[in-house]
PDB file of all heavy atoms in Angstrom:
ATOM      1  N   SER A   1      40.115 -56.595 -47.568  1.00  0.00           N
ATOM      2  CA  SER A   1      41.466 -55.815 -47.794  1.00  0.00           C
ATOM      3  C   SER A   1      41.144 -54.333 -48.472  1.00  0.00           C
ATOM      4  O   SER A   1      41.887 -53.395 -48.189  1.00  0.00           O
ATOM      5  CB  SER A   1      42.393 -56.533 -48.705  1.00  0.00           C
ATOM      6  OG  SER A   1      42.637 -57.731 -48.041  1.00  0.00           O
ATOM      7  N   ALA A   2      39.979 -54.284 -49.150  1.00  0.00           N
ATOM      8  CA  ALA A   2      39.735 -52.975 -49.786  1.00  0.00           C
ATOM      9  C   ALA A   2      39.103 -51.998 -48.751  1.00  0.00           C
ATOM     10  O   ALA A   2      39.032 -50.866 -48.965  1.00  0.00           O
ATOM     11  CB  ALA A   2      38.596 -53.154 -50.893  1.00  0.00           C
ATOM     12  N   GLY A   3      38.751 -52.560 -47.422  1.00  0.00           N
ATOM     13  CA  GLY A   3      38.363 -51.728 -46.484  1.00  0.00           C
ATOM     14  C   GLY A   3      36.973 -52.003 -45.901  1.00  0.00           C
ATOM     15  O   GLY A   3      36.415 -51.327 -45.068  1.00  0.00           O
ATOM     16  N   ALA A   4      36.386 -53.106 -46.382  1.00  0.00           N
ATOM     17  CA  ALA A   4      34.918 -53.438 -45.987  1.00  0.00           C
ATOM     18  C   ALA A   4      35.077 -53.961 -44.581  1.00  0.00           C
ATOM     19  O   ALA A   4      36.051 -54.624 -44.159  1.00  0.00           O
ATOM     20  CB  ALA A   4      34.345 -54.573 -46.870  1.00  0.00           C
ATOM     21  N   ASP A   5      33.905 -53.618 -43.765  1.00  0.00           N
ATOM     22  CA  ASP A   5      34.006 -54.005 -42.282  1.00  0.00           C
ATOM     23  C   ASP A   5      33.312 -55.406 -42.092  1.00  0.00           C
ATOM     24  O   ASP A   5      33.625 -56.125 -41.245  1.00  0.00           O
ATOM     25  CB  ASP A   5      33.208 -53.040 -41.539  1.00  0.00           C
ATOM     26  CG  ASP A   5      33.827 -51.697 -41.580  1.00  0.00           C
ATOM     27  OD1 ASP A   5      34.778 -51.400 -40.828  1.00  0.00           O
ATOM     28  OD2 ASP A   5      33.355 -50.836 -42.380  1.00  0.00           O
ATOM     29  N   ASP A   6      32.531 -55.857 -43.141  1.00  0.00           N
ATOM     30  CA  ASP A   6      31.882 -57.107 -43.100  1.00  0.00           C
ATOM     31  C   ASP A   6      31.523 -57.688 -44.514  1.00  0.00           C
ATOM     32  O   ASP A   6      31.743 -56.828 -45.474  1.00  0.00           O
ATOM     33  CB  ASP A   6      30.585 -57.059 -42.259  1.00  0.00           C
ATOM     34  CG  ASP A   6      30.192 -58.441 -41.652  1.00  0.00           C
ATOM     35  OD1 ASP A   6      30.766 -59.474 -42.044  1.00  0.00           O
ATOM     36  OD2 ASP A   6      29.189 -58.428 -40.900  1.00  0.00           O
ATOM     37  N   TYR A   7      31.186 -58.915 -44.578  1.00  0.00           N
ATOM     38  CA  TYR A   7      31.059 -59.412 -45.892  1.00  0.00           C
ATOM     39  C   TYR A   7      29.928 -60.483 -45.827  1.00  0.00           C
ATOM     40  O   TYR A   7      29.966 -61.341 -44.997  1.00  0.00           O
ATOM     41  CB  TYR A   7      32.369 -60.074 -46.227  1.00  0.00           C
ATOM     42  CG  TYR A   7      32.656 -60.718 -47.709  1.00  0.00           C
ATOM     43  CD1 TYR A   7      33.398 -60.000 -48.525  1.00  0.00           C
ATOM     44  CD2 TYR A   7      31.949 -61.834 -48.113  1.00  0.00           C
ATOM     45  CE1 TYR A   7      33.684 -60.470 -49.893  1.00  0.00           C
ATOM     46  CE2 TYR A   7      32.142 -62.312 -49.377  1.00  0.00           C
ATOM     47  CZ  TYR A   7      32.988 -61.540 -50.241  1.00  0.00           C
ATOM     48  OH  TYR A   7      33.182 -62.064 -51.560  1.00  0.00           O
ATOM     49  N   VAL A   8      28.939 -60.301 -46.720  1.00  0.00           N
ATOM     50  CA  VAL A   8      27.724 -61.177 -46.664  1.00  0.00           C
ATOM     51  C   VAL A   8      27.630 -61.828 -48.083  1.00  0.00           C
ATOM     52  O   VAL A   8      27.540 -61.044 -49.044  1.00  0.00           O
ATOM     53  CB  VAL A   8      26.503 -60.556 -46.226  1.00  0.00           C
ATOM     54  CG1 VAL A   8      25.291 -61.440 -46.254  1.00  0.00           C
ATOM     55  CG2 VAL A   8      26.762 -59.823 -44.966  1.00  0.00           C
ATOM     56  N   THR A   9      27.535 -63.160 -48.144  1.00  0.00           N
ATOM     57  CA  THR A   9      27.426 -63.851 -49.471  1.00  0.00           C
ATOM     58  C   THR A   9      25.989 -64.059 -49.745  1.00  0.00           C
ATOM     59  O   THR A   9      25.204 -64.532 -48.958  1.00  0.00           O
ATOM     60  CB  THR A   9      28.171 -65.174 -49.457  1.00  0.00           C
ATOM     61  OG1 THR A   9      29.564 -64.867 -49.069  1.00  0.00           O
ATOM     62  CG2 THR A   9      28.210 -65.871 -50.780  1.00  0.00           C
ATOM     63  N   LYS A  10      25.677 -63.686 -51.086  1.00  0.00           N
ATOM     64  CA  LYS A  10      24.317 -64.003 -51.613  1.00  0.00           C
ATOM     65  C   LYS A  10      24.174 -65.483 -51.906  1.00  0.00           C
ATOM     66  O   LYS A  10      25.142 -66.030 -52.439  1.00  0.00           O
ATOM     67  CB  LYS A  10      24.041 -63.168 -52.776  1.00  0.00           C
ATOM     68  CG  LYS A  10      24.056 -61.663 -52.650  1.00  0.00           C
ATOM     69  CD  LYS A  10      23.893 -60.927 -53.974  1.00  0.00           C
ATOM     70  CE  LYS A  10      24.101 -59.479 -53.874  1.00  0.00           C
ATOM     71  NZ  LYS A  10      23.974 -58.750 -55.067  1.00  0.00           N
ATOM     72  N   PRO A  11      22.972 -66.025 -51.729  1.00  0.00           N
ATOM     73  CA  PRO A  11      21.821 -65.512 -51.039  1.00  0.00           C
ATOM     74  C   PRO A  11      22.029 -65.463 -49.560  1.00  0.00           C
ATOM     75  O   PRO A  11      22.750 -66.412 -49.026  1.00  0.00           O
ATOM     76  CB  PRO A  11      20.705 -66.429 -51.424  1.00  0.00           C
ATOM     77  CG  PRO A  11      21.357 -67.735 -51.635  1.00  0.00           C
ATOM     78  CD  PRO A  11      22.745 -67.529 -52.096  1.00  0.00           C
ATOM     79  N   PHE A  12      21.454 -64.488 -48.799  1.00  0.00           N
ATOM     80  CA  PHE A  12      21.683 -64.287 -47.366  1.00  0.00           C
ATOM     81  C   PHE A  12      20.287 -64.191 -46.788  1.00  0.00           C
ATOM     82  O   PHE A  12      19.258 -63.878 -47.418  1.00  0.00           O
ATOM     83  CB  PHE A  12      22.447 -63.136 -47.032  1.00  0.00           C
ATOM     84  CG  PHE A  12      22.041 -61.992 -47.735  1.00  0.00           C
ATOM     85  CD1 PHE A  12      20.940 -61.174 -47.326  1.00  0.00           C
ATOM     86  CD2 PHE A  12      22.823 -61.488 -48.907  1.00  0.00           C
ATOM     87  CE1 PHE A  12      20.499 -59.996 -48.050  1.00  0.00           C
ATOM     88  CE2 PHE A  12      22.331 -60.254 -49.457  1.00  0.00           C
ATOM     89  CZ  PHE A  12      21.255 -59.556 -49.141  1.00  0.00           C
ATOM     90  N   SER A  13      20.121 -64.515 -45.486  1.00  0.00           N
ATOM     91  CA  SER A  13      18.848 -64.389 -44.745  1.00  0.00           C
ATOM     92  C   SER A  13      18.810 -62.972 -44.298  1.00  0.00           C
ATOM     93  O   SER A  13      19.756 -62.312 -43.887  1.00  0.00           O
ATOM     94  CB  SER A  13      18.814 -65.332 -43.520  1.00  0.00           C
ATOM     95  OG  SER A  13      19.601 -64.959 -42.418  1.00  0.00           O
ATOM     96  N   ILE A  14      17.565 -62.373 -44.277  1.00  0.00           N
ATOM     97  CA  ILE A  14      17.354 -61.113 -43.907  1.00  0.00           C
ATOM     98  C   ILE A  14      17.703 -60.905 -42.394  1.00  0.00           C
ATOM     99  O   ILE A  14      18.412 -59.900 -41.919  1.00  0.00           O
ATOM    100  CB  ILE A  14      15.891 -60.549 -44.209  1.00  0.00           C
ATOM    101  CG1 ILE A  14      15.731 -60.418 -45.703  1.00  0.00           C
ATOM    102  CG2 ILE A  14      15.577 -59.298 -43.524  1.00  0.00           C
ATOM    103  CD1 ILE A  14      16.657 -59.455 -46.444  1.00  0.00           C
ATOM    104  N   PRO A  15      17.219 -61.748 -41.505  1.00  0.00           N
ATOM    105  CA  PRO A  15      17.537 -61.665 -40.059  1.00  0.00           C
ATOM    106  C   PRO A  15      19.054 -61.580 -39.888  1.00  0.00           C
ATOM    107  O   PRO A  15      19.560 -60.767 -38.990  1.00  0.00           O
ATOM    108  CB  PRO A  15      17.027 -62.886 -39.534  1.00  0.00           C
ATOM    109  CG  PRO A  15      15.853 -63.287 -40.346  1.00  0.00           C
ATOM    110  CD  PRO A  15      16.314 -62.900 -41.709  1.00  0.00           C
ATOM    111  N   GLU A  16      19.827 -62.356 -40.559  1.00  0.00           N
ATOM    112  CA  GLU A  16      21.296 -62.263 -40.383  1.00  0.00           C
ATOM    113  C   GLU A  16      21.873 -61.028 -40.760  1.00  0.00           C
ATOM    114  O   GLU A  16      22.644 -60.408 -40.129  1.00  0.00           O
ATOM    115  CB  GLU A  16      22.065 -63.408 -41.229  1.00  0.00           C
ATOM    116  CG  GLU A  16      23.497 -63.362 -41.099  1.00  0.00           C
ATOM    117  CD  GLU A  16      24.151 -64.328 -42.024  1.00  0.00           C
ATOM    118  OE1 GLU A  16      23.514 -64.963 -42.799  1.00  0.00           O
ATOM    119  OE2 GLU A  16      25.527 -64.361 -42.119  1.00  0.00           O
ATOM    120  N   LEU A  17      21.277 -60.535 -42.009  1.00  0.00           N
ATOM    121  CA  LEU A  17      21.818 -59.285 -42.432  1.00  0.00           C
ATOM    122  C   LEU A  17      21.487 -58.088 -41.439  1.00  0.00           C
ATOM    123  O   LEU A  17      22.189 -57.193 -41.219  1.00  0.00           O
ATOM    124  CB  LEU A  17      21.248 -58.826 -43.748  1.00  0.00           C
ATOM    125  CG  LEU A  17      21.808 -57.605 -44.507  1.00  0.00           C
ATOM    126  CD1 LEU A  17      23.269 -57.654 -44.783  1.00  0.00           C
ATOM    127  CD2 LEU A  17      20.925 -57.329 -45.802  1.00  0.00           C
ATOM    128  N   MET A  18      20.259 -58.117 -40.956  1.00  0.00           N
ATOM    129  CA  MET A  18      19.788 -57.088 -40.056  1.00  0.00           C
ATOM    130  C   MET A  18      20.750 -57.089 -38.746  1.00  0.00           C
ATOM    131  O   MET A  18      21.031 -56.095 -38.143  1.00  0.00           O
ATOM    132  CB  MET A  18      18.308 -57.299 -39.488  1.00  0.00           C
ATOM    133  CG  MET A  18      17.409 -57.144 -40.718  1.00  0.00           C
ATOM    134  SD  MET A  18      17.471 -55.406 -41.417  1.00  0.00           S
ATOM    135  CE  MET A  18      17.726 -55.872 -43.131  1.00  0.00           C
ATOM    136  N   ALA A  19      21.106 -58.321 -38.325  1.00  0.00           N
ATOM    137  CA  ALA A  19      21.974 -58.483 -37.213  1.00  0.00           C
ATOM    138  C   ALA A  19      23.392 -57.895 -37.467  1.00  0.00           C
ATOM    139  O   ALA A  19      23.937 -57.228 -36.565  1.00  0.00           O
ATOM    140  CB  ALA A  19      22.090 -60.016 -36.772  1.00  0.00           C
ATOM    141  N   ARG A  20      23.829 -58.056 -38.646  1.00  0.00           N
ATOM    142  CA  ARG A  20      25.158 -57.546 -39.012  1.00  0.00           C
ATOM    143  C   ARG A  20      25.101 -56.012 -39.216  1.00  0.00           C
ATOM    144  O   ARG A  20      26.041 -55.318 -38.719  1.00  0.00           O
ATOM    145  CB  ARG A  20      25.632 -58.142 -40.333  1.00  0.00           C
ATOM    146  CG  ARG A  20      26.040 -59.545 -40.219  1.00  0.00           C
ATOM    147  CD  ARG A  20      26.361 -60.182 -41.560  1.00  0.00           C
ATOM    148  NE  ARG A  20      26.633 -61.473 -41.441  1.00  0.00           N
ATOM    149  CZ  ARG A  20      27.859 -62.053 -41.564  1.00  0.00           C
ATOM    150  NH1 ARG A  20      28.969 -61.235 -41.594  1.00  0.00           N
ATOM    151  NH2 ARG A  20      27.986 -63.447 -41.485  1.00  0.00           N
ATOM    152  N   VAL A  21      23.994 -55.448 -39.599  1.00  0.00           N
ATOM    153  CA  VAL A  21      23.734 -53.988 -39.645  1.00  0.00           C
ATOM    154  C   VAL A  21      23.692 -53.359 -38.274  1.00  0.00           C
ATOM    155  O   VAL A  21      24.549 -52.524 -37.936  1.00  0.00           O
ATOM    156  CB  VAL A  21      22.525 -53.515 -40.389  1.00  0.00           C
ATOM    157  CG1 VAL A  21      22.261 -52.167 -40.123  1.00  0.00           C
ATOM    158  CG2 VAL A  21      22.607 -53.908 -41.823  1.00  0.00           C
ATOM    159  N   LYS A  22      23.108 -54.108 -37.333  1.00  0.00           N
ATOM    160  CA  LYS A  22      22.969 -53.606 -35.902  1.00  0.00           C
ATOM    161  C   LYS A  22      24.437 -53.696 -35.339  1.00  0.00           C
ATOM    162  O   LYS A  22      24.820 -52.780 -34.482  1.00  0.00           O
ATOM    163  CB  LYS A  22      21.946 -54.446 -35.126  1.00  0.00           C
ATOM    164  CG  LYS A  22      20.602 -54.081 -35.502  1.00  0.00           C
ATOM    165  CD  LYS A  22      19.583 -55.087 -34.771  1.00  0.00           C
ATOM    166  CE  LYS A  22      18.168 -54.793 -35.120  1.00  0.00           C
ATOM    167  NZ  LYS A  22      17.177 -55.650 -34.457  1.00  0.00           N
ATOM    168  N   ALA A  23      25.139 -54.727 -35.613  1.00  0.00           N
ATOM    169  CA  ALA A  23      26.518 -54.921 -35.148  1.00  0.00           C
ATOM    170  C   ALA A  23      27.353 -53.654 -35.535  1.00  0.00           C
ATOM    171  O   ALA A  23      28.193 -53.140 -34.728  1.00  0.00           O
ATOM    172  CB  ALA A  23      27.135 -56.209 -35.515  1.00  0.00           C
ATOM    173  N   GLN A  24      27.254 -53.321 -36.779  1.00  0.00           N
ATOM    174  CA  GLN A  24      28.044 -52.178 -37.349  1.00  0.00           C
ATOM    175  C   GLN A  24      27.602 -50.820 -36.711  1.00  0.00           C
ATOM    176  O   GLN A  24      28.432 -49.906 -36.473  1.00  0.00           O
ATOM    177  CB  GLN A  24      28.028 -52.025 -38.856  1.00  0.00           C
ATOM    178  CG  GLN A  24      28.671 -53.205 -39.473  1.00  0.00           C
ATOM    179  CD  GLN A  24      30.071 -53.469 -39.112  1.00  0.00           C
ATOM    180  OE1 GLN A  24      30.909 -52.484 -38.958  1.00  0.00           O
ATOM    181  NE2 GLN A  24      30.618 -54.690 -39.085  1.00  0.00           N
ATOM    182  N   LEU A  25      26.356 -50.803 -36.428  1.00  0.00           N
ATOM    183  CA  LEU A  25      25.828 -49.479 -35.821  1.00  0.00           C
ATOM    184  C   LEU A  25      26.308 -49.226 -34.435  1.00  0.00           C
ATOM    185  O   LEU A  25      26.385 -48.049 -34.012  1.00  0.00           O
ATOM    186  CB  LEU A  25      24.269 -49.468 -35.789  1.00  0.00           C
ATOM    187  CG  LEU A  25      23.635 -49.248 -37.187  1.00  0.00           C
ATOM    188  CD1 LEU A  25      22.082 -49.462 -37.052  1.00  0.00           C
ATOM    189  CD2 LEU A  25      24.014 -47.883 -37.766  1.00  0.00           C
ATOM    190  N   ARG A  26      26.763 -50.283 -33.822  1.00  0.00           N
ATOM    191  CA  ARG A  26      27.374 -50.129 -32.462  1.00  0.00           C
ATOM    192  C   ARG A  26      28.612 -49.172 -32.541  1.00  0.00           C
ATOM    193  O   ARG A  26      29.051 -48.593 -31.557  1.00  0.00           O
ATOM    194  CB  ARG A  26      27.584 -51.495 -31.750  1.00  0.00           C
ATOM    195  CG  ARG A  26      26.431 -52.237 -31.560  1.00  0.00           C
ATOM    196  CD  ARG A  26      26.767 -53.454 -30.649  1.00  0.00           C
ATOM    197  NE  ARG A  26      25.601 -54.437 -30.715  1.00  0.00           N
ATOM    198  CZ  ARG A  26      25.787 -55.651 -31.277  1.00  0.00           C
ATOM    199  NH1 ARG A  26      26.866 -55.989 -31.840  1.00  0.00           N
ATOM    200  NH2 ARG A  26      24.804 -56.453 -31.344  1.00  0.00           N
ATOM    201  N   HIS A  27      29.293 -49.289 -33.611  1.00  0.00           N
ATOM    202  CA  HIS A  27      30.601 -48.488 -33.882  1.00  0.00           C
ATOM    203  C   HIS A  27      30.355 -47.209 -34.631  1.00  0.00           C
ATOM    204  O   HIS A  27      31.262 -46.476 -34.724  1.00  0.00           O
ATOM    205  CB  HIS A  27      31.577 -49.420 -34.604  1.00  0.00           C
ATOM    206  CG  HIS A  27      31.690 -50.789 -34.016  1.00  0.00           C
ATOM    207  ND1 HIS A  27      32.201 -51.028 -32.750  1.00  0.00           N
ATOM    208  CD2 HIS A  27      31.371 -52.066 -34.591  1.00  0.00           C
ATOM    209  CE1 HIS A  27      32.166 -52.334 -32.583  1.00  0.00           C
ATOM    210  NE2 HIS A  27      31.774 -52.906 -33.558  1.00  0.00           N
ATOM    211  N   ALA A  28      29.152 -47.035 -35.068  1.00  0.00           N
ATOM    212  CA  ALA A  28      28.851 -45.805 -35.911  1.00  0.00           C
ATOM    213  C   ALA A  28      28.463 -44.621 -34.984  1.00  0.00           C
ATOM    214  O   ALA A  28      27.902 -44.895 -33.966  1.00  0.00           O
ATOM    215  CB  ALA A  28      27.705 -46.073 -36.809  1.00  0.00           C
ATOM    216  N   PRO A  29      28.865 -43.469 -35.334  1.00  0.00           N
ATOM    217  CA  PRO A  29      28.500 -42.368 -34.516  1.00  0.00           C
ATOM    218  C   PRO A  29      26.991 -42.129 -34.574  1.00  0.00           C
ATOM    219  O   PRO A  29      26.341 -42.344 -35.591  1.00  0.00           O
ATOM    220  CB  PRO A  29      29.190 -41.033 -35.168  1.00  0.00           C
ATOM    221  CG  PRO A  29      29.528 -41.597 -36.524  1.00  0.00           C
ATOM    222  CD  PRO A  29      29.673 -43.024 -36.499  1.00  0.00           C
ATOM    223  N   GLU A  30      26.427 -41.358 -33.643  1.00  0.00           N
ATOM    224  CA  GLU A  30      25.040 -41.167 -33.636  1.00  0.00           C
ATOM    225  C   GLU A  30      24.680 -40.086 -34.767  1.00  0.00           C
ATOM    226  O   GLU A  30      25.484 -39.086 -34.896  1.00  0.00           O
ATOM    227  CB  GLU A  30      24.562 -40.509 -32.292  1.00  0.00           C
ATOM    228  CG  GLU A  30      24.389 -41.654 -31.204  1.00  0.00           C
ATOM    229  CD  GLU A  30      23.346 -42.636 -31.632  1.00  0.00           C
ATOM    230  OE1 GLU A  30      22.198 -42.156 -32.018  1.00  0.00           O
ATOM    231  OE2 GLU A  30      23.650 -43.782 -31.433  1.00  0.00           O
ATOM    232  N   PRO A  31      23.629 -40.231 -35.558  1.00  0.00           N
ATOM    233  CA  PRO A  31      23.400 -39.255 -36.614  1.00  0.00           C
ATOM    234  C   PRO A  31      23.072 -37.912 -35.945  1.00  0.00           C
ATOM    235  O   PRO A  31      22.471 -37.785 -34.890  1.00  0.00           O
ATOM    236  CB  PRO A  31      22.009 -39.946 -37.221  1.00  0.00           C
ATOM    237  CG  PRO A  31      21.564 -40.901 -36.279  1.00  0.00           C
ATOM    238  CD  PRO A  31      22.599 -41.304 -35.387  1.00  0.00           C
ATOM    239  N   GLN A  32      23.501 -36.833 -36.631  1.00  0.00           N
ATOM    240  CA  GLN A  32      23.233 -35.549 -36.311  1.00  0.00           C
ATOM    241  C   GLN A  32      22.023 -35.017 -36.919  1.00  0.00           C
ATOM    242  O   GLN A  32      21.783 -35.152 -38.084  1.00  0.00           O
ATOM    243  CB  GLN A  32      24.347 -34.600 -36.607  1.00  0.00           C
ATOM    244  CG  GLN A  32      25.685 -35.098 -35.950  1.00  0.00           C
ATOM    245  CD  GLN A  32      25.590 -35.007 -34.506  1.00  0.00           C
ATOM    246  OE1 GLN A  32      25.289 -33.974 -33.901  1.00  0.00           O
ATOM    247  NE2 GLN A  32      26.108 -36.050 -33.789  1.00  0.00           N
ATOM    248  N   THR A  33      21.188 -34.299 -36.077  1.00  0.00           N
ATOM    249  CA  THR A  33      19.931 -33.782 -36.661  1.00  0.00           C
ATOM    250  C   THR A  33      20.213 -32.243 -36.969  1.00  0.00           C
ATOM    251  O   THR A  33      20.700 -31.402 -36.344  1.00  0.00           O
ATOM    252  CB  THR A  33      18.877 -33.846 -35.484  1.00  0.00           C
ATOM    253  OG1 THR A  33      18.729 -35.064 -35.033  1.00  0.00           O
ATOM    254  CG2 THR A  33      17.473 -33.148 -35.963  1.00  0.00           C
ATOM    255  N   LYS A  34      19.856 -31.957 -38.282  1.00  0.00           N
ATOM    256  CA  LYS A  34      19.912 -30.665 -38.766  1.00  0.00           C
ATOM    257  C   LYS A  34      18.882 -29.848 -38.098  1.00  0.00           C
ATOM    258  O   LYS A  34      17.632 -30.356 -38.065  1.00  0.00           O
ATOM    259  CB  LYS A  34      19.785 -30.593 -40.273  1.00  0.00           C
ATOM    260  CG  LYS A  34      21.065 -30.902 -41.025  1.00  0.00           C
ATOM    261  CD  LYS A  34      20.954 -30.616 -42.517  1.00  0.00           C
ATOM    262  CE  LYS A  34      22.284 -30.676 -43.282  1.00  0.00           C
ATOM    263  NZ  LYS A  34      22.035 -30.377 -44.759  1.00  0.00           N
ATOM    264  N   LYS A  35      19.114 -28.600 -37.748  1.00  0.00           N
ATOM    265  CA  LYS A  35      18.199 -27.846 -37.145  1.00  0.00           C
ATOM    266  C   LYS A  35      17.557 -26.818 -37.934  1.00  0.00           C
ATOM    267  O   LYS A  35      16.481 -26.245 -37.810  1.00  0.00           O
ATOM    268  CB  LYS A  35      18.719 -27.121 -35.751  1.00  0.00           C
ATOM    269  CG  LYS A  35      19.062 -28.125 -34.749  1.00  0.00           C
ATOM    270  CD  LYS A  35      19.480 -27.493 -33.474  1.00  0.00           C
ATOM    271  CE  LYS A  35      19.988 -28.451 -32.394  1.00  0.00           C
ATOM    272  NZ  LYS A  35      20.394 -27.759 -31.160  1.00  0.00           N
ATOM    273  N   GLU A  36      18.351 -26.397 -39.068  1.00  0.00           N
ATOM    274  CA  GLU A  36      17.807 -25.494 -40.024  1.00  0.00           C
ATOM    275  C   GLU A  36      18.388 -25.613 -41.358  1.00  0.00           C
ATOM    276  O   GLU A  36      19.414 -26.388 -41.620  1.00  0.00           O
ATOM    277  CB  GLU A  36      18.017 -24.030 -39.526  1.00  0.00           C
ATOM    278  CG  GLU A  36      19.511 -23.610 -39.436  1.00  0.00           C
ATOM    279  CD  GLU A  36      19.660 -22.180 -38.989  1.00  0.00           C
ATOM    280  OE1 GLU A  36      18.852 -21.552 -38.266  1.00  0.00           O
ATOM    281  OE2 GLU A  36      20.837 -21.682 -39.270  1.00  0.00           O
ATOM    282  N   LEU A  37      17.714 -25.238 -42.317  1.00  0.00           N
ATOM    283  CA  LEU A  37      18.184 -25.069 -43.738  1.00  0.00           C
ATOM    284  C   LEU A  37      18.233 -23.705 -44.200  1.00  0.00           C
ATOM    285  O   LEU A  37      17.309 -22.948 -43.889  1.00  0.00           O
ATOM    286  CB  LEU A  37      17.302 -25.861 -44.713  1.00  0.00           C
ATOM    287  CG  LEU A  37      17.148 -27.501 -44.511  1.00  0.00           C
ATOM    288  CD1 LEU A  37      16.144 -28.068 -45.213  1.00  0.00           C
ATOM    289  CD2 LEU A  37      18.543 -28.093 -44.805  1.00  0.00           C
ATOM    290  N   ILE A  38      19.213 -23.322 -45.023  1.00  0.00           N
ATOM    291  CA  ILE A  38      19.202 -21.791 -45.366  1.00  0.00           C
ATOM    292  C   ILE A  38      19.678 -21.894 -46.973  1.00  0.00           C
ATOM    293  O   ILE A  38      20.481 -22.547 -47.362  1.00  0.00           O
ATOM    294  CB  ILE A  38      20.350 -21.134 -44.663  1.00  0.00           C
ATOM    295  CG1 ILE A  38      20.022 -21.077 -43.259  1.00  0.00           C
ATOM    296  CG2 ILE A  38      20.555 -19.784 -45.219  1.00  0.00           C
ATOM    297  CD1 ILE A  38      20.991 -20.451 -42.289  1.00  0.00           C
ATOM    298  N   PHE A  39      18.963 -21.160 -47.579  1.00  0.00           N
ATOM    299  CA  PHE A  39      19.119 -20.882 -48.998  1.00  0.00           C
ATOM    300  C   PHE A  39      19.003 -19.365 -49.368  1.00  0.00           C
ATOM    301  O   PHE A  39      17.798 -18.895 -49.244  1.00  0.00           O
ATOM    302  CB  PHE A  39      18.111 -21.620 -49.990  1.00  0.00           C
ATOM    303  CG  PHE A  39      18.488 -21.531 -51.437  1.00  0.00           C
ATOM    304  CD1 PHE A  39      19.583 -22.245 -52.084  1.00  0.00           C
ATOM    305  CD2 PHE A  39      17.961 -20.477 -52.282  1.00  0.00           C
ATOM    306  CE1 PHE A  39      19.873 -22.120 -53.395  1.00  0.00           C
ATOM    307  CE2 PHE A  39      18.371 -20.379 -53.597  1.00  0.00           C
ATOM    308  CZ  PHE A  39      19.192 -21.109 -54.198  1.00  0.00           C
ATOM    309  N   GLU A  40      20.025 -18.688 -49.673  1.00  0.00           N
ATOM    310  CA  GLU A  40      20.003 -17.257 -49.763  1.00  0.00           C
ATOM    311  C   GLU A  40      19.365 -16.533 -48.470  1.00  0.00           C
ATOM    312  O   GLU A  40      19.842 -16.816 -47.414  1.00  0.00           O
ATOM    313  CB  GLU A  40      19.308 -16.888 -51.153  1.00  0.00           C
ATOM    314  CG  GLU A  40      20.029 -17.261 -52.317  1.00  0.00           C
ATOM    315  CD  GLU A  40      21.341 -16.789 -52.487  1.00  0.00           C
ATOM    316  OE1 GLU A  40      21.440 -15.443 -52.324  1.00  0.00           O
ATOM    317  OE2 GLU A  40      22.350 -17.432 -52.706  1.00  0.00           O
ATOM    318  N   ASP A  41      18.234 -15.932 -48.697  1.00  0.00           N
ATOM    319  CA  ASP A  41      17.573 -15.256 -47.561  1.00  0.00           C
ATOM    320  C   ASP A  41      16.440 -16.038 -46.996  1.00  0.00           C
ATOM    321  O   ASP A  41      15.634 -15.564 -46.279  1.00  0.00           O
ATOM    322  CB  ASP A  41      16.989 -13.882 -47.914  1.00  0.00           C
ATOM    323  CG  ASP A  41      15.893 -13.798 -49.071  1.00  0.00           C
ATOM    324  OD1 ASP A  41      15.877 -14.855 -49.813  1.00  0.00           O
ATOM    325  OD2 ASP A  41      15.169 -12.813 -49.141  1.00  0.00           O
ATOM    326  N   ILE A  42      16.258 -17.257 -47.453  1.00  0.00           N
ATOM    327  CA  ILE A  42      15.206 -18.185 -46.950  1.00  0.00           C
ATOM    328  C   ILE A  42      15.714 -19.196 -45.875  1.00  0.00           C
ATOM    329  O   ILE A  42      16.839 -19.790 -46.032  1.00  0.00           O
ATOM    330  CB  ILE A  42      14.659 -19.102 -48.158  1.00  0.00           C
ATOM    331  CG1 ILE A  42      14.151 -18.179 -49.263  1.00  0.00           C
ATOM    332  CG2 ILE A  42      13.442 -19.924 -47.600  1.00  0.00           C
ATOM    333  CD1 ILE A  42      13.695 -18.996 -50.483  1.00  0.00           C
ATOM    334  N   LYS A  43      15.080 -19.196 -44.704  1.00  0.00           N
ATOM    335  CA  LYS A  43      15.578 -19.975 -43.673  1.00  0.00           C
ATOM    336  C   LYS A  43      14.481 -20.938 -43.214  1.00  0.00           C
ATOM    337  O   LYS A  43      13.285 -20.454 -42.882  1.00  0.00           O
ATOM    338  CB  LYS A  43      16.083 -19.167 -42.483  1.00  0.00           C
ATOM    339  CG  LYS A  43      16.733 -20.068 -41.343  1.00  0.00           C
ATOM    340  CD  LYS A  43      17.369 -19.256 -40.247  1.00  0.00           C
ATOM    341  CE  LYS A  43      16.440 -18.503 -39.320  1.00  0.00           C
ATOM    342  NZ  LYS A  43      17.041 -17.999 -38.269  1.00  0.00           N
ATOM    343  N   MET A  44      14.773 -22.182 -42.956  1.00  0.00           N
ATOM    344  CA  MET A  44      13.678 -23.110 -42.596  1.00  0.00           C
ATOM    345  C   MET A  44      14.150 -23.574 -41.236  1.00  0.00           C
ATOM    346  O   MET A  44      15.354 -24.184 -40.902  1.00  0.00           O
ATOM    347  CB  MET A  44      13.649 -24.378 -43.419  1.00  0.00           C
ATOM    348  CG  MET A  44      13.131 -24.070 -44.696  1.00  0.00           C
ATOM    349  SD  MET A  44      12.609 -25.645 -45.650  1.00  0.00           S
ATOM    350  CE  MET A  44      11.083 -26.024 -44.848  1.00  0.00           C
TER     351      MET A  44
END
């Protein structure tokens, strides 16, 4: 009700948790890659 998408009770198995992470990633946007960093006149 607080807004969690899933709920895992400890102790949990790592394979189960990894499966739940992958399930949530199906709905997550693809990460964006930064192409540059800028600080004052320094650019990477």
